N, C-alpha and C. Protein backbone atom coordinates (compact mmCIF):
# COMPACT_ATOMS: atom_id res chain seq x y z
N UNK A 1 95.27 -95.90 110.05
CA UNK A 1 94.25 -94.92 110.12
C UNK A 1 93.34 -94.99 108.87
N UNK A 2 93.97 -95.09 107.73
CA UNK A 2 93.19 -95.18 106.44
C UNK A 2 92.46 -96.47 106.43
N UNK A 3 93.03 -97.55 106.92
CA UNK A 3 92.38 -98.84 106.94
C UNK A 3 91.12 -98.80 107.81
N UNK A 4 91.25 -98.13 108.95
CA UNK A 4 90.08 -98.04 109.82
C UNK A 4 88.97 -97.26 109.18
N UNK A 5 89.30 -96.18 108.46
CA UNK A 5 88.26 -95.39 107.76
C UNK A 5 87.61 -96.19 106.69
N UNK A 6 88.38 -97.05 105.95
CA UNK A 6 87.80 -97.86 104.89
C UNK A 6 86.85 -98.90 105.49
N UNK A 7 87.27 -99.52 106.60
CA UNK A 7 86.42 -100.51 107.23
C UNK A 7 85.11 -99.87 107.75
N UNK A 8 85.22 -98.68 108.31
CA UNK A 8 84.04 -97.97 108.81
C UNK A 8 83.07 -97.64 107.67
N UNK A 9 83.59 -97.21 106.55
CA UNK A 9 82.77 -96.92 105.37
C UNK A 9 82.03 -98.12 104.86
N UNK A 10 82.82 -99.26 104.77
CA UNK A 10 82.22 -100.48 104.33
C UNK A 10 81.08 -100.99 105.30
N UNK A 11 81.30 -100.88 106.58
CA UNK A 11 80.28 -101.31 107.56
C UNK A 11 79.01 -100.45 107.45
N UNK A 12 79.21 -99.14 107.28
CA UNK A 12 78.04 -98.25 107.14
C UNK A 12 77.31 -98.59 105.88
N UNK A 13 78.07 -98.84 104.75
CA UNK A 13 77.38 -99.22 103.51
C UNK A 13 76.64 -100.54 103.61
N UNK A 14 77.18 -101.50 104.32
CA UNK A 14 76.48 -102.79 104.49
C UNK A 14 75.25 -102.59 105.29
N UNK A 15 75.31 -101.76 106.36
CA UNK A 15 74.16 -101.55 107.21
C UNK A 15 73.04 -100.86 106.41
N UNK A 16 73.39 -99.87 105.61
CA UNK A 16 72.41 -99.21 104.78
C UNK A 16 71.75 -100.16 103.76
N UNK A 17 72.59 -101.02 103.20
CA UNK A 17 72.07 -102.02 102.23
C UNK A 17 71.08 -102.91 102.89
N UNK A 18 71.38 -103.37 104.13
CA UNK A 18 70.44 -104.28 104.81
C UNK A 18 69.13 -103.56 105.11
N UNK A 19 69.20 -102.30 105.53
CA UNK A 19 67.94 -101.58 105.85
C UNK A 19 67.12 -101.34 104.60
N UNK A 20 67.79 -101.10 103.49
CA UNK A 20 67.03 -100.94 102.22
C UNK A 20 66.36 -102.25 101.81
N UNK A 21 67.11 -103.37 101.99
CA UNK A 21 66.54 -104.69 101.64
C UNK A 21 65.35 -105.00 102.51
N UNK A 22 65.44 -104.66 103.84
CA UNK A 22 64.34 -104.89 104.73
C UNK A 22 63.09 -104.07 104.36
N UNK A 23 63.35 -102.80 103.92
CA UNK A 23 62.18 -101.97 103.62
C UNK A 23 61.60 -102.42 102.31
N UNK A 24 62.37 -102.95 101.38
CA UNK A 24 61.83 -103.50 100.13
C UNK A 24 60.99 -104.73 100.40
N UNK A 25 61.51 -105.62 101.30
CA UNK A 25 60.77 -106.79 101.65
C UNK A 25 59.47 -106.40 102.35
N UNK A 26 59.50 -105.43 103.20
CA UNK A 26 58.28 -105.01 103.86
C UNK A 26 57.30 -104.47 102.87
N UNK A 27 57.80 -103.74 101.90
CA UNK A 27 56.92 -103.18 100.88
C UNK A 27 56.30 -104.27 100.04
N UNK A 28 57.12 -105.31 99.73
CA UNK A 28 56.60 -106.42 98.94
C UNK A 28 55.55 -107.22 99.68
N UNK A 29 55.68 -107.26 101.02
CA UNK A 29 54.67 -107.98 101.83
C UNK A 29 53.45 -107.15 102.07
N UNK A 30 53.53 -105.86 101.72
CA UNK A 30 52.38 -105.04 101.91
C UNK A 30 52.36 -104.32 103.28
N UNK A 31 53.47 -104.38 104.02
CA UNK A 31 53.51 -103.73 105.33
C UNK A 31 53.76 -102.25 105.12
N UNK A 32 53.15 -101.47 105.92
CA UNK A 32 53.29 -100.03 105.84
C UNK A 32 54.29 -99.57 106.88
N UNK A 33 54.97 -98.43 106.57
CA UNK A 33 55.92 -97.89 107.54
C UNK A 33 57.23 -98.61 107.52
N UNK A 34 57.81 -98.60 108.65
CA UNK A 34 59.12 -99.25 108.87
C UNK A 34 58.99 -100.76 108.75
N UNK A 35 60.06 -101.38 108.34
CA UNK A 35 60.06 -102.87 108.26
C UNK A 35 59.99 -103.44 109.60
N UNK A 36 59.22 -104.49 109.76
CA UNK A 36 59.02 -105.16 111.03
C UNK A 36 60.25 -106.07 111.28
N UNK A 37 61.04 -105.71 112.29
CA UNK A 37 62.27 -106.48 112.54
C UNK A 37 61.89 -107.76 113.27
N UNK A 38 62.20 -108.89 112.65
CA UNK A 38 61.99 -110.18 113.25
C UNK A 38 63.32 -110.90 113.40
N UNK A 39 64.38 -110.19 113.50
CA UNK A 39 65.71 -110.81 113.50
C UNK A 39 66.16 -111.09 114.88
N UNK A 40 67.46 -111.25 115.02
CA UNK A 40 68.05 -111.56 116.34
C UNK A 40 68.28 -110.32 117.13
N UNK A 41 68.20 -110.44 118.44
CA UNK A 41 68.53 -109.35 119.33
C UNK A 41 67.45 -108.35 119.59
N UNK A 42 66.19 -108.66 119.30
CA UNK A 42 65.14 -107.66 119.56
C UNK A 42 64.83 -107.68 121.05
N UNK A 43 64.81 -106.50 121.66
CA UNK A 43 64.46 -106.40 123.08
C UNK A 43 63.02 -105.83 123.07
N UNK A 44 62.09 -106.75 123.28
CA UNK A 44 60.67 -106.35 123.23
C UNK A 44 59.93 -107.17 124.29
N UNK A 45 58.64 -107.20 124.22
CA UNK A 45 57.84 -107.90 125.22
C UNK A 45 58.10 -109.40 125.20
N UNK A 46 58.28 -109.99 124.05
CA UNK A 46 58.55 -111.38 123.91
C UNK A 46 59.84 -111.75 124.63
N UNK A 47 60.88 -110.90 124.43
CA UNK A 47 62.19 -111.12 125.09
C UNK A 47 61.99 -111.08 126.61
N UNK A 48 61.32 -110.10 127.15
CA UNK A 48 61.16 -110.01 128.60
C UNK A 48 60.30 -111.17 129.14
N UNK A 49 59.29 -111.65 128.42
CA UNK A 49 58.56 -112.80 128.85
C UNK A 49 59.42 -114.08 128.93
N UNK A 50 60.28 -114.19 127.93
CA UNK A 50 61.17 -115.35 127.95
C UNK A 50 62.14 -115.32 129.13
N UNK A 51 62.65 -114.12 129.40
CA UNK A 51 63.58 -113.90 130.49
C UNK A 51 62.91 -114.26 131.82
N UNK A 52 61.62 -113.83 131.95
CA UNK A 52 60.90 -114.14 133.20
C UNK A 52 60.78 -115.65 133.40
N UNK A 53 60.51 -116.38 132.29
CA UNK A 53 60.34 -117.84 132.43
C UNK A 53 61.69 -118.43 132.81
N UNK A 54 62.77 -118.01 132.17
CA UNK A 54 64.09 -118.56 132.49
C UNK A 54 64.47 -118.26 133.93
N UNK A 55 64.16 -117.06 134.43
CA UNK A 55 64.48 -116.73 135.82
C UNK A 55 63.74 -117.62 136.80
N UNK A 56 62.48 -117.97 136.46
CA UNK A 56 61.75 -118.88 137.36
C UNK A 56 62.45 -120.22 137.51
N UNK A 57 63.11 -120.70 136.40
CA UNK A 57 63.81 -121.97 136.49
C UNK A 57 65.20 -121.80 137.10
N UNK A 58 65.84 -120.64 136.85
CA UNK A 58 67.19 -120.40 137.33
C UNK A 58 67.23 -120.08 138.79
N UNK A 59 66.22 -119.36 139.29
CA UNK A 59 66.17 -118.99 140.73
C UNK A 59 64.78 -119.52 141.23
N UNK A 60 64.66 -120.72 141.67
CA UNK A 60 63.31 -121.23 142.08
C UNK A 60 62.80 -120.66 143.38
N UNK A 61 63.68 -120.21 144.29
CA UNK A 61 63.22 -119.64 145.53
C UNK A 61 64.22 -118.57 146.03
N UNK A 62 63.79 -117.82 146.98
CA UNK A 62 64.69 -116.76 147.53
C UNK A 62 65.71 -117.35 148.47
N UNK A 63 65.58 -118.60 148.89
CA UNK A 63 66.52 -119.22 149.79
C UNK A 63 67.49 -120.17 149.08
N UNK A 64 67.42 -120.25 147.80
CA UNK A 64 68.32 -121.19 147.05
C UNK A 64 69.76 -120.55 146.93
N UNK A 65 70.63 -121.34 146.56
CA UNK A 65 72.08 -120.95 146.49
C UNK A 65 72.25 -119.78 145.46
N UNK A 66 71.52 -119.79 144.39
CA UNK A 66 71.64 -118.76 143.40
C UNK A 66 71.20 -117.38 143.96
N UNK A 67 70.13 -117.37 144.72
CA UNK A 67 69.64 -116.09 145.32
C UNK A 67 70.65 -115.62 146.30
N UNK A 68 71.26 -116.52 147.10
CA UNK A 68 72.26 -116.11 148.08
C UNK A 68 73.49 -115.54 147.34
N UNK A 69 73.91 -116.20 146.25
CA UNK A 69 75.03 -115.64 145.48
C UNK A 69 74.71 -114.31 144.93
N UNK A 70 73.52 -114.06 144.48
CA UNK A 70 73.16 -112.79 143.90
C UNK A 70 73.17 -111.71 144.99
N UNK A 71 72.69 -112.04 146.18
CA UNK A 71 72.74 -111.13 147.31
C UNK A 71 74.18 -110.77 147.67
N UNK A 72 75.03 -111.78 147.72
CA UNK A 72 76.46 -111.56 148.04
C UNK A 72 77.13 -110.72 146.99
N UNK A 73 76.77 -110.97 145.73
CA UNK A 73 77.29 -110.25 144.61
C UNK A 73 76.91 -108.77 144.70
N UNK A 74 75.67 -108.51 145.09
CA UNK A 74 75.23 -107.14 145.27
C UNK A 74 75.99 -106.41 146.33
N UNK A 75 76.25 -107.10 147.47
CA UNK A 75 77.03 -106.49 148.58
C UNK A 75 78.46 -106.18 148.10
N UNK A 76 79.01 -107.14 147.34
CA UNK A 76 80.41 -106.86 146.81
C UNK A 76 80.41 -105.70 145.87
N UNK A 77 79.36 -105.52 145.05
CA UNK A 77 79.30 -104.38 144.14
C UNK A 77 79.19 -103.06 144.90
N UNK A 78 78.43 -103.06 145.96
CA UNK A 78 78.33 -101.87 146.79
C UNK A 78 79.65 -101.52 147.41
N UNK A 79 80.34 -102.53 147.95
CA UNK A 79 81.68 -102.31 148.56
C UNK A 79 82.66 -101.79 147.52
N UNK A 80 82.65 -102.40 146.32
CA UNK A 80 83.56 -101.92 145.28
C UNK A 80 83.24 -100.46 144.87
N UNK A 81 82.00 -100.10 144.91
CA UNK A 81 81.66 -98.72 144.55
C UNK A 81 82.29 -97.74 145.57
N UNK A 82 82.11 -98.09 146.83
CA UNK A 82 82.70 -97.22 147.89
C UNK A 82 84.24 -97.20 147.79
N UNK A 83 84.80 -98.38 147.45
CA UNK A 83 86.28 -98.43 147.35
C UNK A 83 86.75 -97.60 146.15
N UNK A 84 86.00 -97.66 145.08
CA UNK A 84 86.39 -96.83 143.92
C UNK A 84 86.34 -95.35 144.21
N UNK A 85 85.34 -94.91 144.96
CA UNK A 85 85.28 -93.51 145.36
C UNK A 85 86.45 -93.15 146.25
N UNK A 86 86.79 -94.03 147.18
CA UNK A 86 87.88 -93.75 148.08
C UNK A 86 89.21 -93.72 147.34
N UNK A 87 89.41 -94.61 146.39
CA UNK A 87 90.66 -94.65 145.63
C UNK A 87 90.77 -93.39 144.76
N UNK A 88 89.65 -92.95 144.24
CA UNK A 88 89.72 -91.67 143.44
C UNK A 88 90.11 -90.50 144.35
N UNK A 89 89.63 -90.52 145.59
CA UNK A 89 89.97 -89.47 146.56
C UNK A 89 91.48 -89.52 146.88
N UNK A 90 91.98 -90.72 147.09
CA UNK A 90 93.38 -90.87 147.45
C UNK A 90 94.26 -90.48 146.22
N UNK A 91 93.86 -90.88 145.07
CA UNK A 91 94.60 -90.48 143.86
C UNK A 91 94.66 -88.96 143.75
N UNK A 92 93.55 -88.28 144.04
CA UNK A 92 93.55 -86.84 144.01
C UNK A 92 94.50 -86.25 145.03
N UNK A 93 94.57 -86.90 146.23
CA UNK A 93 95.52 -86.41 147.25
C UNK A 93 96.96 -86.67 146.86
N UNK A 94 97.20 -87.74 146.13
CA UNK A 94 98.58 -88.00 145.65
C UNK A 94 99.01 -86.94 144.67
N UNK A 95 98.10 -86.63 143.78
CA UNK A 95 98.38 -85.58 142.79
C UNK A 95 98.61 -84.24 143.48
N UNK A 96 97.80 -83.98 144.49
CA UNK A 96 97.93 -82.72 145.21
C UNK A 96 99.28 -82.67 145.92
N UNK A 97 99.73 -83.75 146.47
CA UNK A 97 101.05 -83.76 147.17
C UNK A 97 102.21 -83.63 146.13
N UNK A 98 102.00 -84.11 144.94
CA UNK A 98 102.99 -83.90 143.87
C UNK A 98 103.04 -82.42 143.47
N UNK A 99 101.88 -81.82 143.32
CA UNK A 99 101.85 -80.42 142.95
C UNK A 99 102.44 -79.57 144.07
N UNK A 100 102.22 -79.93 145.32
CA UNK A 100 102.80 -79.20 146.47
C UNK A 100 104.28 -79.49 146.67
N UNK A 101 104.75 -80.48 145.97
CA UNK A 101 106.20 -80.90 146.05
C UNK A 101 106.56 -81.35 147.47
N UNK A 102 105.63 -82.10 148.11
CA UNK A 102 105.85 -82.60 149.45
C UNK A 102 106.15 -84.09 149.35
N UNK A 103 107.39 -84.46 149.53
CA UNK A 103 107.86 -85.82 149.37
C UNK A 103 107.27 -86.69 150.50
N UNK A 104 107.28 -86.24 151.73
CA UNK A 104 106.77 -87.06 152.83
C UNK A 104 105.30 -87.34 152.68
N UNK A 105 104.54 -86.29 152.34
CA UNK A 105 103.09 -86.48 152.17
C UNK A 105 102.83 -87.41 150.96
N UNK A 106 103.64 -87.29 149.86
CA UNK A 106 103.47 -88.12 148.73
C UNK A 106 103.72 -89.56 149.08
N UNK A 107 104.77 -89.90 149.84
CA UNK A 107 105.08 -91.22 150.24
C UNK A 107 104.03 -91.80 151.18
N UNK A 108 103.46 -90.95 152.07
CA UNK A 108 102.35 -91.45 152.91
C UNK A 108 101.13 -91.81 152.09
N UNK A 109 100.80 -90.97 151.14
CA UNK A 109 99.62 -91.26 150.29
C UNK A 109 99.87 -92.50 149.43
N UNK A 110 101.01 -92.65 148.89
CA UNK A 110 101.33 -93.87 148.10
C UNK A 110 101.26 -95.14 148.99
N UNK A 111 101.75 -95.02 150.20
CA UNK A 111 101.67 -96.16 151.15
C UNK A 111 100.27 -96.50 151.47
N UNK A 112 99.38 -95.49 151.72
CA UNK A 112 97.98 -95.85 152.00
C UNK A 112 97.28 -96.41 150.76
N UNK A 113 97.69 -95.92 149.58
CA UNK A 113 97.16 -96.53 148.33
C UNK A 113 97.61 -97.97 148.24
N UNK A 114 98.85 -98.24 148.57
CA UNK A 114 99.39 -99.59 148.52
C UNK A 114 98.64 -100.50 149.50
N UNK A 115 98.41 -99.99 150.71
CA UNK A 115 97.70 -100.79 151.72
C UNK A 115 96.26 -101.09 151.29
N UNK A 116 95.67 -100.19 150.53
CA UNK A 116 94.30 -100.36 150.10
C UNK A 116 94.20 -101.31 148.94
N UNK A 117 95.32 -101.58 148.28
CA UNK A 117 95.29 -102.49 147.07
C UNK A 117 94.91 -103.92 147.48
N UNK A 118 95.31 -104.36 148.64
CA UNK A 118 94.97 -105.78 149.05
C UNK A 118 93.49 -105.99 149.21
N UNK A 119 92.77 -105.15 149.99
CA UNK A 119 91.34 -105.41 150.05
C UNK A 119 90.60 -105.17 148.71
N UNK A 120 91.05 -104.21 147.97
CA UNK A 120 90.36 -103.99 146.71
C UNK A 120 90.57 -105.12 145.71
N UNK A 121 91.76 -105.72 145.69
CA UNK A 121 91.96 -106.88 144.82
C UNK A 121 91.19 -108.07 145.31
N UNK A 122 91.00 -108.20 146.62
CA UNK A 122 90.19 -109.29 147.18
C UNK A 122 88.75 -109.10 146.79
N UNK A 123 88.24 -107.90 146.85
CA UNK A 123 86.86 -107.62 146.46
C UNK A 123 86.68 -107.90 144.98
N UNK A 124 87.58 -107.44 144.12
CA UNK A 124 87.47 -107.69 142.69
C UNK A 124 87.53 -109.18 142.36
N UNK A 125 88.38 -109.91 143.06
CA UNK A 125 88.48 -111.37 142.82
C UNK A 125 87.19 -112.04 143.31
N UNK A 126 86.63 -111.55 144.43
CA UNK A 126 85.37 -112.09 144.91
C UNK A 126 84.22 -111.81 143.90
N UNK A 127 84.21 -110.66 143.28
CA UNK A 127 83.21 -110.34 142.27
C UNK A 127 83.35 -111.28 141.09
N UNK A 128 84.53 -111.49 140.61
CA UNK A 128 84.76 -112.37 139.50
C UNK A 128 84.33 -113.81 139.83
N UNK A 129 84.72 -114.27 141.01
CA UNK A 129 84.34 -115.63 141.46
C UNK A 129 82.83 -115.78 141.54
N UNK A 130 82.18 -114.81 142.16
CA UNK A 130 80.70 -114.90 142.30
C UNK A 130 79.98 -114.85 140.96
N UNK A 131 80.49 -114.03 140.05
CA UNK A 131 79.82 -113.97 138.73
C UNK A 131 79.98 -115.33 138.02
N UNK A 132 81.15 -115.89 138.07
CA UNK A 132 81.36 -117.19 137.38
C UNK A 132 80.61 -118.31 138.06
N UNK A 133 80.54 -118.31 139.38
CA UNK A 133 79.83 -119.30 140.13
C UNK A 133 78.32 -119.20 139.85
N UNK A 134 77.83 -117.98 139.82
CA UNK A 134 76.40 -117.74 139.53
C UNK A 134 76.05 -118.18 138.11
N UNK A 135 76.94 -117.92 137.14
CA UNK A 135 76.66 -118.35 135.76
C UNK A 135 76.65 -119.91 135.73
N UNK A 136 77.52 -120.52 136.41
CA UNK A 136 77.58 -121.98 136.47
C UNK A 136 76.33 -122.56 137.13
N UNK A 137 75.88 -121.96 138.19
CA UNK A 137 74.66 -122.43 138.88
C UNK A 137 73.43 -122.24 137.96
N UNK A 138 73.31 -121.09 137.33
CA UNK A 138 72.22 -120.88 136.36
C UNK A 138 72.22 -121.93 135.27
N UNK A 139 73.46 -122.09 134.70
CA UNK A 139 73.53 -123.04 133.57
C UNK A 139 73.14 -124.46 134.03
N UNK A 140 73.56 -124.83 135.24
CA UNK A 140 73.22 -126.14 135.74
C UNK A 140 71.71 -126.33 135.95
N UNK A 141 71.10 -125.34 136.57
CA UNK A 141 69.63 -125.42 136.79
C UNK A 141 68.84 -125.50 135.49
N UNK A 142 69.16 -124.61 134.58
CA UNK A 142 68.47 -124.56 133.28
C UNK A 142 68.68 -125.86 132.52
N UNK A 143 69.92 -126.34 132.50
CA UNK A 143 70.21 -127.59 131.80
C UNK A 143 69.48 -128.75 132.39
N UNK A 144 69.42 -128.83 133.71
CA UNK A 144 68.65 -129.91 134.36
C UNK A 144 67.17 -129.81 134.08
N UNK A 145 66.66 -128.61 134.01
CA UNK A 145 65.25 -128.42 133.66
C UNK A 145 64.96 -128.93 132.26
N UNK A 146 65.79 -128.55 131.30
CA UNK A 146 65.57 -129.01 129.93
C UNK A 146 65.77 -130.52 129.79
N UNK A 147 66.68 -131.03 130.53
CA UNK A 147 66.87 -132.51 130.50
C UNK A 147 65.67 -133.21 131.05
N UNK A 148 65.07 -132.70 132.13
CA UNK A 148 63.84 -133.29 132.65
C UNK A 148 62.71 -133.21 131.63
N UNK A 149 62.60 -132.14 130.91
CA UNK A 149 61.56 -132.05 129.88
C UNK A 149 61.86 -133.01 128.77
N UNK A 150 63.12 -133.11 128.41
CA UNK A 150 63.51 -133.98 127.25
C UNK A 150 63.34 -135.44 127.55
N UNK A 151 63.63 -135.80 128.82
CA UNK A 151 63.49 -137.21 129.20
C UNK A 151 62.23 -137.58 129.88
N UNK A 152 61.29 -136.63 129.84
CA UNK A 152 59.97 -136.84 130.48
C UNK A 152 59.25 -138.00 129.81
N UNK A 153 58.75 -138.87 130.59
CA UNK A 153 57.98 -140.08 130.16
C UNK A 153 58.75 -140.95 129.15
N UNK A 154 60.04 -140.80 129.22
CA UNK A 154 60.93 -141.69 128.40
C UNK A 154 60.73 -141.46 126.85
N UNK A 155 60.37 -140.26 126.46
CA UNK A 155 60.16 -139.99 125.07
C UNK A 155 61.43 -140.27 124.22
N UNK A 156 62.57 -139.87 124.74
CA UNK A 156 63.80 -140.06 124.00
C UNK A 156 64.09 -141.56 123.78
N UNK A 157 63.90 -142.34 124.80
CA UNK A 157 64.16 -143.78 124.67
C UNK A 157 63.10 -144.49 123.76
N UNK A 158 61.90 -143.97 123.83
CA UNK A 158 60.87 -144.55 122.91
C UNK A 158 61.19 -144.24 121.47
N UNK A 159 61.73 -143.03 121.22
CA UNK A 159 62.06 -142.73 119.84
C UNK A 159 63.26 -143.58 119.41
N UNK A 160 64.23 -143.80 120.31
CA UNK A 160 65.38 -144.57 119.93
C UNK A 160 65.08 -146.05 119.73
N UNK A 161 64.24 -146.60 120.58
CA UNK A 161 64.08 -148.07 120.59
C UNK A 161 62.86 -148.55 119.81
N UNK A 162 61.82 -147.75 119.75
CA UNK A 162 60.57 -148.22 119.09
C UNK A 162 60.39 -147.74 117.69
N UNK A 163 61.01 -146.63 117.37
CA UNK A 163 60.81 -146.10 115.99
C UNK A 163 62.15 -146.09 115.32
N UNK A 164 62.29 -146.94 114.34
CA UNK A 164 63.55 -147.05 113.56
C UNK A 164 63.63 -146.16 112.40
N UNK A 165 62.63 -145.31 112.19
CA UNK A 165 62.70 -144.36 111.07
C UNK A 165 63.67 -143.20 111.32
N UNK A 166 63.91 -142.91 112.60
CA UNK A 166 64.76 -141.79 112.93
C UNK A 166 66.12 -142.41 113.29
N UNK A 167 67.12 -142.12 112.54
CA UNK A 167 68.45 -142.67 112.73
C UNK A 167 69.14 -142.10 113.95
N UNK A 168 69.16 -140.77 114.07
CA UNK A 168 69.90 -140.09 115.16
C UNK A 168 69.02 -139.05 115.79
N UNK A 169 68.29 -139.34 116.86
CA UNK A 169 67.36 -138.37 117.44
C UNK A 169 68.07 -137.19 118.15
N UNK A 170 69.32 -137.33 118.35
CA UNK A 170 70.05 -136.21 118.99
C UNK A 170 70.22 -135.08 118.03
């Protein structure tokens, strides 16, 4: 407990130190107001423009495999939402049967909960599979696009074979 408190104090101190350094740098550059954050993780217009460009390469059409996977993933998410609501309802009924001290009703509710476990585990496995498959498809499309740009007009081979000033162009 004490160790967690010490770590939290150190993290807060480091964060404050960074913000002071940024404001000093901004003042030294002549910027007014808050320091202009040019670091990692900024969610701004530039970020959204870059995402739009990547999406154009990752999902070239509405009939491609990636779009179909996204549609199927959306359906699975809707099904899981309804299943979660239903499971919460059944759990409430199980607790109610415990409070009422009704053994037969309790066993019936547990049995229905057990029967519902198979489809819910199938849906969860399907969600996991679709997410991983979609990530793989996106990665493959984007990698192929960058490889096409990189190998366009044989620039890589020209650098390797015609120009001996660059030892390792990779």
